[in-house]
């Protein structure tokens, strides 16, 4: 319990934690193969300009493979410790980076600061928050690939958000102090959804894939400014029942 509390403190303080070995090597390899199978089947939603291919339907297509990642036992103490039974799965998305990949600086929950100000106008309203869990299926490392955060980026409102001026927002992110993580296969990074971050491959031929579960602390309404579309309500609360 002391270690969990320490990790929860770190998540609040830094905006992220790295959970090493969240998945066993056997499960990691199984899911890596299934993500590649999904690409072979053409199940992706698209491939964007920065080299990110994404899949939004895998949880529905192969629940026996992917549903164990939702509220996974290795992450439950942190998700439940932060959000309790109100922890709701917002979305489930897999990614493959098939070639060169340098993600744009971005936030998963762009609307956080806007919604925080809005909530302050009302007596019972609370600002919505969210947490991202990203499982990795290959080793990142210097010269291979990484995940980069703006240091303390969950504590300060970035400029150029409302309205979004992407070049200026990204230039601001690039100018800040950064923290770089190198997750290994089977690791999971848990982070607060409104911290600016950027993934990258440093070697174009490196195989790189991950799965992102976005969790939200209800209430969050449908039109909130987030990178993912909500799955709905029924059956999306992993710690209830």
C-alpha atoms as a PDB file:
ATOM      1  CA  UNK A   1       0.000   0.000   0.000  1.00  0.00           C
ATOM      2  CA  UNK A   2       2.847   2.398   0.736  1.00  0.00           C
ATOM      3  CA  UNK A   3       4.240   1.856  -2.762  1.00  0.00           C
ATOM      4  CA  UNK A   4       0.809   2.472  -4.315  1.00  0.00           C
ATOM      5  CA  UNK A   5       0.360   5.674  -2.334  1.00  0.00           C
ATOM      6  CA  UNK A   6       3.818   6.799  -3.381  1.00  0.00           C
ATOM      7  CA  UNK A   7       2.976   6.121  -7.027  1.00  0.00           C
ATOM      8  CA  UNK A   8      -0.331   7.998  -6.724  1.00  0.00           C
ATOM      9  CA  UNK A   9       1.537  10.957  -5.230  1.00  0.00           C
ATOM     10  CA  UNK A  10       3.985  10.794  -8.137  1.00  0.00           C
ATOM     11  CA  UNK A  11       1.142  10.686 -10.672  1.00  0.00           C
ATOM     12  CA  UNK A  12      -0.375  13.830  -9.174  1.00  0.00           C
ATOM     13  CA  UNK A  13       2.996  15.550  -8.829  1.00  0.00           C
ATOM     14  CA  UNK A  14       4.574  14.704 -12.205  1.00  0.00           C
ATOM     15  CA  UNK A  15       1.466  14.023 -14.276  1.00  0.00           C
ATOM     16  CA  UNK A  16       2.640  10.516 -15.238  1.00  0.00           C
ATOM     17  CA  UNK A  17       4.038   7.244 -13.921  1.00  0.00           C
ATOM     18  CA  UNK A  18       5.755   4.337 -15.664  1.00  0.00           C
ATOM     19  CA  UNK A  19       4.538   0.873 -14.645  1.00  0.00           C
ATOM     20  CA  UNK A  20       7.250  -1.570 -15.638  1.00  0.00           C
ATOM     21  CA  UNK A  21       6.179  -5.078 -16.622  1.00  0.00           C
ATOM     22  CA  UNK A  22       2.476  -4.291 -16.530  1.00  0.00           C
ATOM     23  CA  UNK A  23       1.940  -7.154 -18.993  1.00  0.00           C
ATOM     24  CA  UNK A  24       3.706 -10.495 -18.985  1.00  0.00           C
ATOM     25  CA  UNK A  25       6.033 -11.271 -21.919  1.00  0.00           C
ATOM     26  CA  UNK A  26       3.552 -13.892 -23.159  1.00  0.00           C
ATOM     27  CA  UNK A  27       0.584 -11.503 -23.165  1.00  0.00           C
ATOM     28  CA  UNK A  28       2.706  -8.732 -24.673  1.00  0.00           C
ATOM     29  CA  UNK A  29       3.717 -10.941 -27.600  1.00  0.00           C
ATOM     30  CA  UNK A  30       0.186 -12.259 -28.107  1.00  0.00           C
ATOM     31  CA  UNK A  31      -1.288  -8.770 -28.340  1.00  0.00           C
ATOM     32  CA  UNK A  32       1.562  -7.512 -30.526  1.00  0.00           C
ATOM     33  CA  UNK A  33       0.727 -10.258 -33.011  1.00  0.00           C
ATOM     34  CA  UNK A  34      -3.008  -9.496 -32.885  1.00  0.00           C
ATOM     35  CA  UNK A  35      -2.417  -5.792 -33.594  1.00  0.00           C
ATOM     36  CA  UNK A  36      -0.340  -6.773 -36.622  1.00  0.00           C
ATOM     37  CA  UNK A  37      -3.128  -9.138 -37.653  1.00  0.00           C
ATOM     38  CA  UNK A  38      -5.593  -6.250 -37.468  1.00  0.00           C
ATOM     39  CA  UNK A  39      -3.397  -4.318 -39.895  1.00  0.00           C
ATOM     40  CA  UNK A  40      -3.262  -7.323 -42.235  1.00  0.00           C
ATOM     41  CA  UNK A  41      -7.074  -7.386 -42.189  1.00  0.00           C
ATOM     42  CA  UNK A  42      -7.301  -3.682 -43.030  1.00  0.00           C
ATOM     43  CA  UNK A  43      -9.174  -2.806 -39.839  1.00  0.00           C
ATOM     44  CA  UNK A  44      -7.422   0.529 -39.349  1.00  0.00           C
ATOM     45  CA  UNK A  45      -9.381   3.777 -39.406  1.00  0.00           C
ATOM     46  CA  UNK A  46      -6.585   5.625 -41.147  1.00  0.00           C
ATOM     47  CA  UNK A  47      -2.933   6.650 -41.314  1.00  0.00           C
ATOM     48  CA  UNK A  48      -2.260  10.303 -40.546  1.00  0.00           C
ATOM     49  CA  UNK A  49       0.387  12.688 -41.824  1.00  0.00           C
ATOM     50  CA  UNK A  50       2.789  12.115 -38.906  1.00  0.00           C
ATOM     51  CA  UNK A  51       2.890   8.340 -39.434  1.00  0.00           C
ATOM     52  CA  UNK A  52       0.284   7.136 -36.946  1.00  0.00           C
ATOM     53  CA  UNK A  53      -2.113   4.345 -37.956  1.00  0.00           C
ATOM     54  CA  UNK A  54      -5.033   3.886 -35.578  1.00  0.00           C
ATOM     55  CA  UNK A  55      -7.654   1.241 -34.815  1.00  0.00           C
ATOM     56  CA  UNK A  56     -10.813   1.998 -32.828  1.00  0.00           C
ATOM     57  CA  UNK A  57     -12.750  -1.271 -33.185  1.00  0.00           C
ATOM     58  CA  UNK A  58     -10.439  -3.950 -31.786  1.00  0.00           C
ATOM     59  CA  UNK A  59     -12.119  -4.165 -28.389  1.00  0.00           C
ATOM     60  CA  UNK A  60     -15.386  -4.963 -30.159  1.00  0.00           C
ATOM     61  CA  UNK A  61     -13.859  -7.268 -32.786  1.00  0.00           C
ATOM     62  CA  UNK A  62     -11.737  -9.373 -30.399  1.00  0.00           C
ATOM     63  CA  UNK A  63     -12.924  -8.812 -26.823  1.00  0.00           C
ATOM     64  CA  UNK A  64     -11.258 -12.010 -25.630  1.00  0.00           C
ATOM     65  CA  UNK A  65      -7.865 -10.507 -26.527  1.00  0.00           C
ATOM     66  CA  UNK A  66      -8.331  -6.875 -25.607  1.00  0.00           C
ATOM     67  CA  UNK A  67     -10.883  -6.613 -22.790  1.00  0.00           C
ATOM     68  CA  UNK A  68      -8.367  -7.808 -20.136  1.00  0.00           C
ATOM     69  CA  UNK A  69      -6.479  -4.539 -20.733  1.00  0.00           C
ATOM     70  CA  UNK A  70      -9.465  -2.512 -19.490  1.00  0.00           C
ATOM     71  CA  UNK A  71      -8.895  -1.887 -15.796  1.00  0.00           C
ATOM     72  CA  UNK A  72      -5.978  -4.325 -15.958  1.00  0.00           C
ATOM     73  CA  UNK A  73      -4.992  -5.667 -12.506  1.00  0.00           C
ATOM     74  CA  UNK A  74      -1.525  -4.106 -12.759  1.00  0.00           C
ATOM     75  CA  UNK A  75      -3.131  -0.673 -13.212  1.00  0.00           C
ATOM     76  CA  UNK A  76      -6.259  -0.993 -11.114  1.00  0.00           C
ATOM     77  CA  UNK A  77      -4.666   0.333  -7.893  1.00  0.00           C
ATOM     78  CA  UNK A  78      -3.756   3.563  -9.655  1.00  0.00           C
ATOM     79  CA  UNK A  79      -6.936   4.059 -11.669  1.00  0.00           C
ATOM     80  CA  UNK A  80      -9.172   3.125  -8.752  1.00  0.00           C
ATOM     81  CA  UNK A  81      -6.979   5.055  -6.322  1.00  0.00           C
ATOM     82  CA  UNK A  82      -7.467   8.208  -8.392  1.00  0.00           C
ATOM     83  CA  UNK A  83     -11.073   7.864  -9.555  1.00  0.00           C
ATOM     84  CA  UNK A  84     -12.793   5.075  -7.619  1.00  0.00           C
ATOM     85  CA  UNK A  85     -15.938   3.562  -9.070  1.00  0.00           C
ATOM     86  CA  UNK A  86     -16.509   6.664 -11.187  1.00  0.00           C
ATOM     87  CA  UNK A  87     -13.602   5.562 -13.398  1.00  0.00           C
ATOM     88  CA  UNK A  88     -15.148   5.121 -16.862  1.00  0.00           C
ATOM     89  CA  UNK A  89     -13.510   3.793 -20.027  1.00  0.00           C
ATOM     90  CA  UNK A  90     -13.886   6.548 -22.586  1.00  0.00           C
ATOM     91  CA  UNK A  91     -12.192   4.900 -25.548  1.00  0.00           C
ATOM     92  CA  UNK A  92      -9.929   2.036 -26.602  1.00  0.00           C
ATOM     93  CA  UNK A  93      -7.498   2.669 -29.440  1.00  0.00           C
ATOM     94  CA  UNK A  94      -4.546   0.740 -30.875  1.00  0.00           C
ATOM     95  CA  UNK A  95      -1.759   2.332 -32.899  1.00  0.00           C
ATOM     96  CA  UNK A  96       0.887   1.155 -35.319  1.00  0.00           C
ATOM     97  CA  UNK A  97       3.661   3.418 -36.588  1.00  0.00           C
ATOM     98  CA  UNK A  98       4.608   1.648 -39.817  1.00  0.00           C
ATOM     99  CA  UNK A  99       7.302   4.065 -41.000  1.00  0.00           C
ATOM    100  CA  UNK A 100       8.821   7.407 -39.971  1.00  0.00           C
ATOM    101  CA  UNK A 101       6.943   8.785 -36.966  1.00  0.00           C
ATOM    102  CA  UNK A 102       7.193  12.067 -35.106  1.00  0.00           C
ATOM    103  CA  UNK A 103       3.952  12.829 -33.331  1.00  0.00           C
ATOM    104  CA  UNK A 104       2.808  16.415 -33.078  1.00  0.00           C
ATOM    105  CA  UNK A 105       2.871  17.914 -29.602  1.00  0.00           C
ATOM    106  CA  UNK A 106      -0.668  17.481 -28.324  1.00  0.00           C
ATOM    107  CA  UNK A 107      -2.954  16.972 -25.361  1.00  0.00           C
ATOM    108  CA  UNK A 108      -5.505  14.175 -25.212  1.00  0.00           C
ATOM    109  CA  UNK A 109      -7.962  16.358 -23.298  1.00  0.00           C
ATOM    110  CA  UNK A 110      -7.662  19.738 -25.001  1.00  0.00           C
ATOM    111  CA  UNK A 111     -10.739  21.080 -23.261  1.00  0.00           C
ATOM    112  CA  UNK A 112      -9.529  20.638 -19.683  1.00  0.00           C
ATOM    113  CA  UNK A 113      -8.690  24.245 -18.870  1.00  0.00           C
ATOM    114  CA  UNK A 114     -11.750  25.535 -20.701  1.00  0.00           C
ATOM    115  CA  UNK A 115     -14.012  23.132 -18.795  1.00  0.00           C
ATOM    116  CA  UNK A 116     -12.307  23.984 -15.511  1.00  0.00           C
ATOM    117  CA  UNK A 117     -13.190  27.653 -15.919  1.00  0.00           C
ATOM    118  CA  UNK A 118     -16.724  26.749 -16.960  1.00  0.00           C
ATOM    119  CA  UNK A 119     -17.238  24.579 -13.872  1.00  0.00           C
ATOM    120  CA  UNK A 120     -16.227  27.455 -11.600  1.00  0.00           C
ATOM    121  CA  UNK A 121     -19.367  29.339 -12.688  1.00  0.00           C
ATOM    122  CA  UNK A 122     -21.717  26.819 -11.059  1.00  0.00           C
ATOM    123  CA  UNK A 123     -22.244  25.690  -7.492  1.00  0.00           C
ATOM    124  CA  UNK A 124     -22.160  21.926  -7.923  1.00  0.00           C
ATOM    125  CA  UNK A 125     -20.236  21.528 -11.163  1.00  0.00           C
ATOM    126  CA  UNK A 126     -16.781  19.923 -11.014  1.00  0.00           C
ATOM    127  CA  UNK A 127     -14.107  20.129 -13.710  1.00  0.00           C
ATOM    128  CA  UNK A 128     -13.891  16.855 -15.660  1.00  0.00           C
ATOM    129  CA  UNK A 129     -10.571  15.024 -15.703  1.00  0.00           C
ATOM    130  CA  UNK A 130      -9.169  11.998 -17.492  1.00  0.00           C
ATOM    131  CA  UNK A 131      -6.310   9.510 -17.375  1.00  0.00           C
ATOM    132  CA  UNK A 132      -4.552   7.746 -20.238  1.00  0.00           C
ATOM    133  CA  UNK A 133      -2.959   4.283 -19.971  1.00  0.00           C
ATOM    134  CA  UNK A 134      -0.641   3.389 -22.871  1.00  0.00           C
ATOM    135  CA  UNK A 135       0.641  -0.185 -23.189  1.00  0.00           C
ATOM    136  CA  UNK A 136       3.804  -0.705 -25.249  1.00  0.00           C
ATOM    137  CA  UNK A 137       4.608  -3.812 -27.293  1.00  0.00           C
ATOM    138  CA  UNK A 138       8.214  -3.121 -28.344  1.00  0.00           C
ATOM    139  CA  UNK A 139      11.225  -1.755 -26.531  1.00  0.00           C
ATOM    140  CA  UNK A 140      11.806   1.980 -26.783  1.00  0.00           C
ATOM    141  CA  UNK A 141      15.231   3.366 -25.989  1.00  0.00           C
ATOM    142  CA  UNK A 142      17.798   6.006 -26.969  1.00  0.00           C
ATOM    143  CA  UNK A 143      18.202   5.793 -30.723  1.00  0.00           C
ATOM    144  CA  UNK A 144      14.967   3.794 -31.073  1.00  0.00           C
ATOM    145  CA  UNK A 145      11.900   5.624 -29.809  1.00  0.00           C
ATOM    146  CA  UNK A 146      10.566   7.557 -26.860  1.00  0.00           C
ATOM    147  CA  UNK A 147       7.672   9.334 -25.191  1.00  0.00           C
ATOM    148  CA  UNK A 148       8.255  12.953 -24.220  1.00  0.00           C
ATOM    149  CA  UNK A 149       6.283  15.132 -21.774  1.00  0.00           C
ATOM    150  CA  UNK A 150       6.306  18.847 -21.056  1.00  0.00           C
ATOM    151  CA  UNK A 151       7.596  18.915 -17.499  1.00  0.00           C
ATOM    152  CA  UNK A 152       4.763  19.872 -15.113  1.00  0.00           C
ATOM    153  CA  UNK A 153       2.606  20.393 -18.204  1.00  0.00           C
ATOM    154  CA  UNK A 154      -0.536  19.265 -16.375  1.00  0.00           C
ATOM    155  CA  UNK A 155      -0.158  22.152 -13.915  1.00  0.00           C
ATOM    156  CA  UNK A 156       0.022  25.074 -16.332  1.00  0.00           C
ATOM    157  CA  UNK A 157      -2.374  26.136 -19.064  1.00  0.00           C
ATOM    158  CA  UNK A 158      -0.524  26.285 -22.383  1.00  0.00           C
ATOM    159  CA  UNK A 159      -1.025  29.386 -24.520  1.00  0.00           C
ATOM    160  CA  UNK A 160      -2.570  29.314 -28.003  1.00  0.00           C
ATOM    161  CA  UNK A 161      -5.295  26.777 -27.121  1.00  0.00           C
ATOM    162  CA  UNK A 162      -8.559  28.703 -27.311  1.00  0.00           C
ATOM    163  CA  UNK A 163      -8.716  28.943 -30.256  1.00  0.00           C
ATOM    164  CA  UNK A 164      -6.007  26.412 -31.096  1.00  0.00           C
ATOM    165  CA  UNK A 165      -3.091  27.846 -33.033  1.00  0.00           C
ATOM    166  CA  UNK A 166      -1.215  24.599 -33.588  1.00  0.00           C
ATOM    167  CA  UNK A 167       2.142  25.999 -34.819  1.00  0.00           C
ATOM    168  CA  UNK A 168       2.374  28.396 -31.862  1.00  0.00           C
ATOM    169  CA  UNK A 169       1.151  25.747 -29.400  1.00  0.00           C
ATOM    170  CA  UNK A 170       3.724  23.252 -30.646  1.00  0.00           C
ATOM    171  CA  UNK A 171       6.490  25.877 -30.577  1.00  0.00           C
ATOM    172  CA  UNK A 172       5.592  26.641 -26.955  1.00  0.00           C
ATOM    173  CA  UNK A 173       5.707  22.923 -26.072  1.00  0.00           C
ATOM    174  CA  UNK A 174       9.058  22.506 -27.813  1.00  0.00           C
ATOM    175  CA  UNK A 175      10.531  25.436 -25.860  1.00  0.00           C
ATOM    176  CA  UNK A 176       9.627  23.989 -22.450  1.00  0.00           C
ATOM    177  CA  UNK A 177      11.660  21.664 -20.245  1.00  0.00           C
ATOM    178  CA  UNK A 178      10.903  18.028 -21.104  1.00  0.00           C
ATOM    179  CA  UNK A 179      10.919  14.623 -19.441  1.00  0.00           C
ATOM    180  CA  UNK A 180      11.701  11.675 -21.731  1.00  0.00           C
ATOM    181  CA  UNK A 181      10.580   8.083 -21.072  1.00  0.00           C
ATOM    182  CA  UNK A 182      11.716   4.918 -22.823  1.00  0.00           C
ATOM    183  CA  UNK A 183       9.005   2.344 -22.141  1.00  0.00           C
ATOM    184  CA  UNK A 184       9.895  -1.281 -22.823  1.00  0.00           C
ATOM    185  CA  UNK A 185       7.666  -4.024 -24.222  1.00  0.00           C
ATOM    186  CA  UNK A 186       5.040  -4.860 -21.592  1.00  0.00           C
ATOM    187  CA  UNK A 187       5.364  -1.515 -19.799  1.00  0.00           C
ATOM    188  CA  UNK A 188       2.497   0.911 -19.375  1.00  0.00           C
ATOM    189  CA  UNK A 189       2.622   4.677 -18.975  1.00  0.00           C
ATOM    190  CA  UNK A 190      -0.222   6.181 -16.959  1.00  0.00           C
ATOM    191  CA  UNK A 191      -0.685   9.913 -17.351  1.00  0.00           C
ATOM    192  CA  UNK A 192      -3.135  12.728 -16.796  1.00  0.00           C
ATOM    193  CA  UNK A 193      -4.889  13.449 -20.075  1.00  0.00           C
ATOM    194  CA  UNK A 194      -4.182  17.160 -20.338  1.00  0.00           C
ATOM    195  CA  UNK A 195      -0.383  17.026 -20.079  1.00  0.00           C
ATOM    196  CA  UNK A 196       1.225  17.899 -23.446  1.00  0.00           C
ATOM    197  CA  UNK A 197       3.193  14.986 -24.856  1.00  0.00           C
ATOM    198  CA  UNK A 198       4.847  13.657 -28.006  1.00  0.00           C
ATOM    199  CA  UNK A 199       5.768  10.143 -29.140  1.00  0.00           C
ATOM    200  CA  UNK A 200       8.489   9.448 -31.683  1.00  0.00           C
ATOM    201  CA  UNK A 201      10.510   6.835 -33.521  1.00  0.00           C
ATOM    202  CA  UNK A 202      14.182   7.631 -33.849  1.00  0.00           C
ATOM    203  CA  UNK A 203      14.740   4.650 -36.166  1.00  0.00           C
ATOM    204  CA  UNK A 204      12.309   4.535 -39.061  1.00  0.00           C
ATOM    205  CA  UNK A 205      12.465   0.744 -39.466  1.00  0.00           C
ATOM    206  CA  UNK A 206      11.655   0.036 -35.833  1.00  0.00           C
ATOM    207  CA  UNK A 207       8.392  -1.839 -35.259  1.00  0.00           C
ATOM    208  CA  UNK A 208       6.288   0.257 -32.891  1.00  0.00           C
ATOM    209  CA  UNK A 209       2.735  -0.297 -31.648  1.00  0.00           C
ATOM    210  CA  UNK A 210       0.740   0.519 -28.541  1.00  0.00           C
ATOM    211  CA  UNK A 211      -2.731   0.448 -27.086  1.00  0.00           C
ATOM    212  CA  UNK A 212      -4.290   3.451 -25.389  1.00  0.00           C
ATOM    213  CA  UNK A 213      -7.188   3.256 -22.952  1.00  0.00           C
ATOM    214  CA  UNK A 214      -8.631   6.649 -22.136  1.00  0.00           C
ATOM    215  CA  UNK A 215     -10.463   6.817 -18.820  1.00  0.00           C
ATOM    216  CA  UNK A 216     -12.618   9.693 -17.699  1.00  0.00           C
ATOM    217  CA  UNK A 217     -13.979  10.697 -14.356  1.00  0.00           C
ATOM    218  CA  UNK A 218     -17.653  11.271 -14.911  1.00  0.00           C
ATOM    219  CA  UNK A 219     -19.388  13.517 -15.606  1.00  0.00           C
ATOM    220  CA  UNK A 220     -18.090  14.262 -19.087  1.00  0.00           C
ATOM    221  CA  UNK A 221     -20.569  15.312 -21.726  1.00  0.00           C
ATOM    222  CA  UNK A 222     -20.424  14.032 -25.307  1.00  0.00           C
ATOM    223  CA  UNK A 223     -19.178  17.231 -26.921  1.00  0.00           C
ATOM    224  CA  UNK A 224     -16.160  17.749 -24.691  1.00  0.00           C
ATOM    225  CA  UNK A 225     -12.924  18.620 -26.570  1.00  0.00           C
ATOM    226  CA  UNK A 226     -10.974  15.371 -26.418  1.00  0.00           C
ATOM    227  CA  UNK A 227      -8.972  13.449 -29.016  1.00  0.00           C
ATOM    228  CA  UNK A 228     -11.152  10.332 -28.644  1.00  0.00           C
ATOM    229  CA  UNK A 229     -14.817   9.576 -29.151  1.00  0.00           C
ATOM    230  CA  UNK A 230     -16.642   8.137 -26.122  1.00  0.00           C
ATOM    231  CA  UNK A 231     -17.793   4.518 -26.257  1.00  0.00           C
ATOM    232  CA  UNK A 232     -21.002   5.297 -24.394  1.00  0.00           C
ATOM    233  CA  UNK A 233     -22.220   4.503 -20.911  1.00  0.00           C
ATOM    234  CA  UNK A 234     -23.344   0.926 -20.392  1.00  0.00           C
ATOM    235  CA  UNK A 235     -20.576  -1.506 -19.492  1.00  0.00           C
ATOM    236  CA  UNK A 236     -17.808   1.096 -19.391  1.00  0.00           C
ATOM    237  CA  UNK A 237     -17.200   1.213 -15.619  1.00  0.00           C
ATOM    238  CA  UNK A 238     -14.551  -1.475 -14.954  1.00  0.00           C
ATOM    239  CA  UNK A 239     -14.624  -1.252 -11.156  1.00  0.00           C
ATOM    240  CA  UNK A 240     -18.377  -1.456 -10.636  1.00  0.00           C
ATOM    241  CA  UNK A 241     -20.107  -4.764 -10.034  1.00  0.00           C
END
